[in-house]
Amino acid sequence: MAIVGRASWLKKNYIRAAALLSTS
């Protein structure tokens, strides 16, 4: 079950990183 949480966390981080890169 922890894997699902990790995947969700990774996806959230990836989306935030992509947003930061696209704005800069």
N, C-alpha and C. Protein backbone atom coordinates (compact mmCIF):
# COMPACT_ATOMS: atom_id res chain seq x y z
N MET A 1 0.84 -1.21 0.00
CA MET A 1 0.00 0.00 0.00
C MET A 1 0.88 1.27 0.00
N ALA A 2 2.04 1.15 0.62
CA ALA A 2 2.91 2.33 0.69
C ALA A 2 3.39 2.76 -0.70
N ILE A 3 3.45 1.77 -1.61
CA ILE A 3 3.90 2.08 -2.98
C ILE A 3 2.95 3.08 -3.64
N VAL A 4 1.65 2.93 -3.39
CA VAL A 4 0.67 3.84 -3.98
C VAL A 4 0.91 5.27 -3.48
N GLY A 5 1.18 5.40 -2.18
CA GLY A 5 1.45 6.72 -1.62
C GLY A 5 2.70 7.32 -2.22
N ARG A 6 3.73 6.46 -2.40
CA ARG A 6 4.98 6.95 -2.98
C ARG A 6 4.78 7.41 -4.41
N ALA A 7 3.98 6.65 -5.17
CA ALA A 7 3.72 7.01 -6.56
C ALA A 7 2.98 8.34 -6.62
N SER A 8 2.01 8.51 -5.72
CA SER A 8 1.24 9.75 -5.69
C SER A 8 2.15 10.93 -5.36
N TRP A 9 3.06 10.70 -4.40
CA TRP A 9 3.98 11.76 -3.99
C TRP A 9 4.92 12.12 -5.12
N LEU A 10 5.42 11.09 -5.82
CA LEU A 10 6.32 11.33 -6.94
C LEU A 10 5.61 12.11 -8.05
N LYS A 11 4.35 11.71 -8.31
CA LYS A 11 3.61 12.40 -9.38
C LYS A 11 3.40 13.87 -9.01
N LYS A 12 3.08 14.12 -7.73
CA LYS A 12 2.86 15.50 -7.28
C LYS A 12 4.14 16.31 -7.46
N ASN A 13 5.27 15.72 -7.06
CA ASN A 13 6.55 16.42 -7.18
C ASN A 13 6.89 16.67 -8.65
N TYR A 14 6.62 15.66 -9.50
CA TYR A 14 6.93 15.79 -10.92
C TYR A 14 6.10 16.92 -11.56
N ILE A 15 4.81 16.97 -11.19
CA ILE A 15 3.94 18.01 -11.74
C ILE A 15 4.42 19.38 -11.29
N ARG A 16 4.80 19.49 -10.00
CA ARG A 16 5.26 20.79 -9.49
C ARG A 16 6.56 21.20 -10.18
N ALA A 17 7.47 20.24 -10.36
CA ALA A 17 8.75 20.54 -11.01
C ALA A 17 8.52 20.97 -12.46
N ALA A 18 7.61 20.27 -13.15
CA ALA A 18 7.32 20.62 -14.55
C ALA A 18 6.73 22.02 -14.63
N ALA A 19 5.87 22.36 -13.67
CA ALA A 19 5.26 23.69 -13.66
C ALA A 19 6.32 24.75 -13.43
N LEU A 20 7.25 24.49 -12.51
CA LEU A 20 8.31 25.46 -12.24
C LEU A 20 9.19 25.64 -13.46
N LEU A 21 9.51 24.54 -14.14
CA LEU A 21 10.37 24.63 -15.32
C LEU A 21 9.68 25.37 -16.46
N SER A 22 8.38 25.14 -16.61
CA SER A 22 7.67 25.76 -17.72
C SER A 22 7.50 27.26 -17.51
N THR A 23 7.42 27.69 -16.24
CA THR A 23 7.22 29.12 -15.96
C THR A 23 8.53 29.88 -16.08
N SER A 24 9.66 29.21 -15.79
CA SER A 24 10.96 29.90 -15.83
C SER A 24 11.62 29.75 -17.20
